[in-house]
Amino acid sequence: MAKRASKGKMLRITLVRSPIGYNKKQKGTVRALGLRRLNQTVEQPDAPEIRGMITKIQHLVQVEE
């Protein structure tokens, strides 16, 4: 099983650039994070899996802890 984030640690992820023109994997990562439209913000747990996804699309998103 994957490790769970400790209590209350969340990341606010905002899509600041469109994934149009990038490859399918990057578009899929944006969708998997729950981002559907520009300037949408979602909260995800601070987990290694989420951090890895953010690293792959760091040029498209803004992250706040």
Protein backbone atom coordinates (compact mmCIF):
# COMPACT_ATOMS: atom_id res chain seq x y z
CA MET A 1 0.00 0.00 0.00
CA ALA A 2 1.07 3.56 -0.64
CA LYS A 3 1.99 5.78 2.26
CA ARG A 4 -0.69 8.21 3.30
CA ALA A 5 0.01 11.90 3.85
CA SER A 6 0.15 12.94 7.45
CA LYS A 7 -2.81 14.82 8.92
CA GLY A 8 -3.81 17.96 7.12
CA LYS A 9 -0.88 18.26 4.71
CA MET A 10 -2.43 19.32 1.45
CA LEU A 11 -1.19 20.92 -1.76
CA ARG A 12 -3.17 23.54 -3.65
CA ILE A 13 -2.52 22.99 -7.35
CA THR A 14 -3.59 25.58 -9.93
CA LEU A 15 -3.46 25.06 -13.69
CA VAL A 16 -1.84 28.25 -15.03
CA ARG A 17 -0.96 27.15 -18.59
CA SER A 18 -2.97 25.13 -21.07
CA PRO A 19 -1.81 21.57 -21.78
CA ILE A 20 -2.79 22.03 -25.45
CA GLY A 21 0.26 21.37 -27.60
CA TYR A 22 1.93 19.08 -25.05
CA ASN A 23 2.06 15.30 -25.30
CA LYS A 24 -0.72 12.95 -24.21
CA LYS A 25 1.08 11.85 -21.04
CA GLN A 26 1.26 15.41 -19.77
CA LYS A 27 -2.39 16.04 -20.65
CA GLY A 28 -3.30 12.82 -18.85
CA THR A 29 -1.35 13.88 -15.77
CA VAL A 30 -3.22 17.19 -15.65
CA ARG A 31 -6.54 15.31 -15.84
CA ALA A 32 -5.45 12.76 -13.23
CA LEU A 33 -4.77 15.58 -10.78
CA GLY A 34 -8.38 16.67 -11.24
CA LEU A 35 -7.65 19.78 -13.28
CA ARG A 36 -10.12 20.41 -16.07
CA ARG A 37 -9.85 24.10 -16.97
CA LEU A 38 -7.42 26.98 -16.83
CA ASN A 39 -7.03 28.69 -13.43
CA GLN A 40 -8.87 25.85 -11.70
CA THR A 41 -7.49 24.98 -8.26
CA VAL A 42 -7.66 21.56 -6.63
CA GLU A 43 -6.38 20.29 -3.30
CA GLN A 44 -4.48 17.03 -3.23
CA PRO A 45 -2.71 15.27 -0.34
CA ASP A 46 1.02 15.90 -0.04
CA ALA A 47 2.10 12.41 -1.10
CA PRO A 48 5.11 11.22 -3.12
CA GLU A 49 2.82 10.12 -5.96
CA ILE A 50 1.27 13.57 -6.26
CA ARG A 51 4.67 15.28 -6.00
CA GLY A 52 5.92 13.11 -8.88
CA MET A 53 2.95 14.06 -11.02
CA ILE A 54 3.53 17.74 -10.27
CA THR A 55 7.20 17.42 -11.22
CA LYS A 56 6.22 16.11 -14.66
CA ILE A 57 3.98 19.11 -15.38
CA GLN A 58 5.67 21.81 -13.30
CA HIS A 59 5.70 24.15 -16.33
CA LEU A 60 1.87 24.08 -16.42
CA VAL A 61 0.93 24.42 -12.74
CA GLN A 62 1.48 26.56 -9.66
CA VAL A 63 1.70 24.78 -6.30
CA GLU A 64 1.12 26.12 -2.78
CA GLU A 65 1.62 24.09 0.38
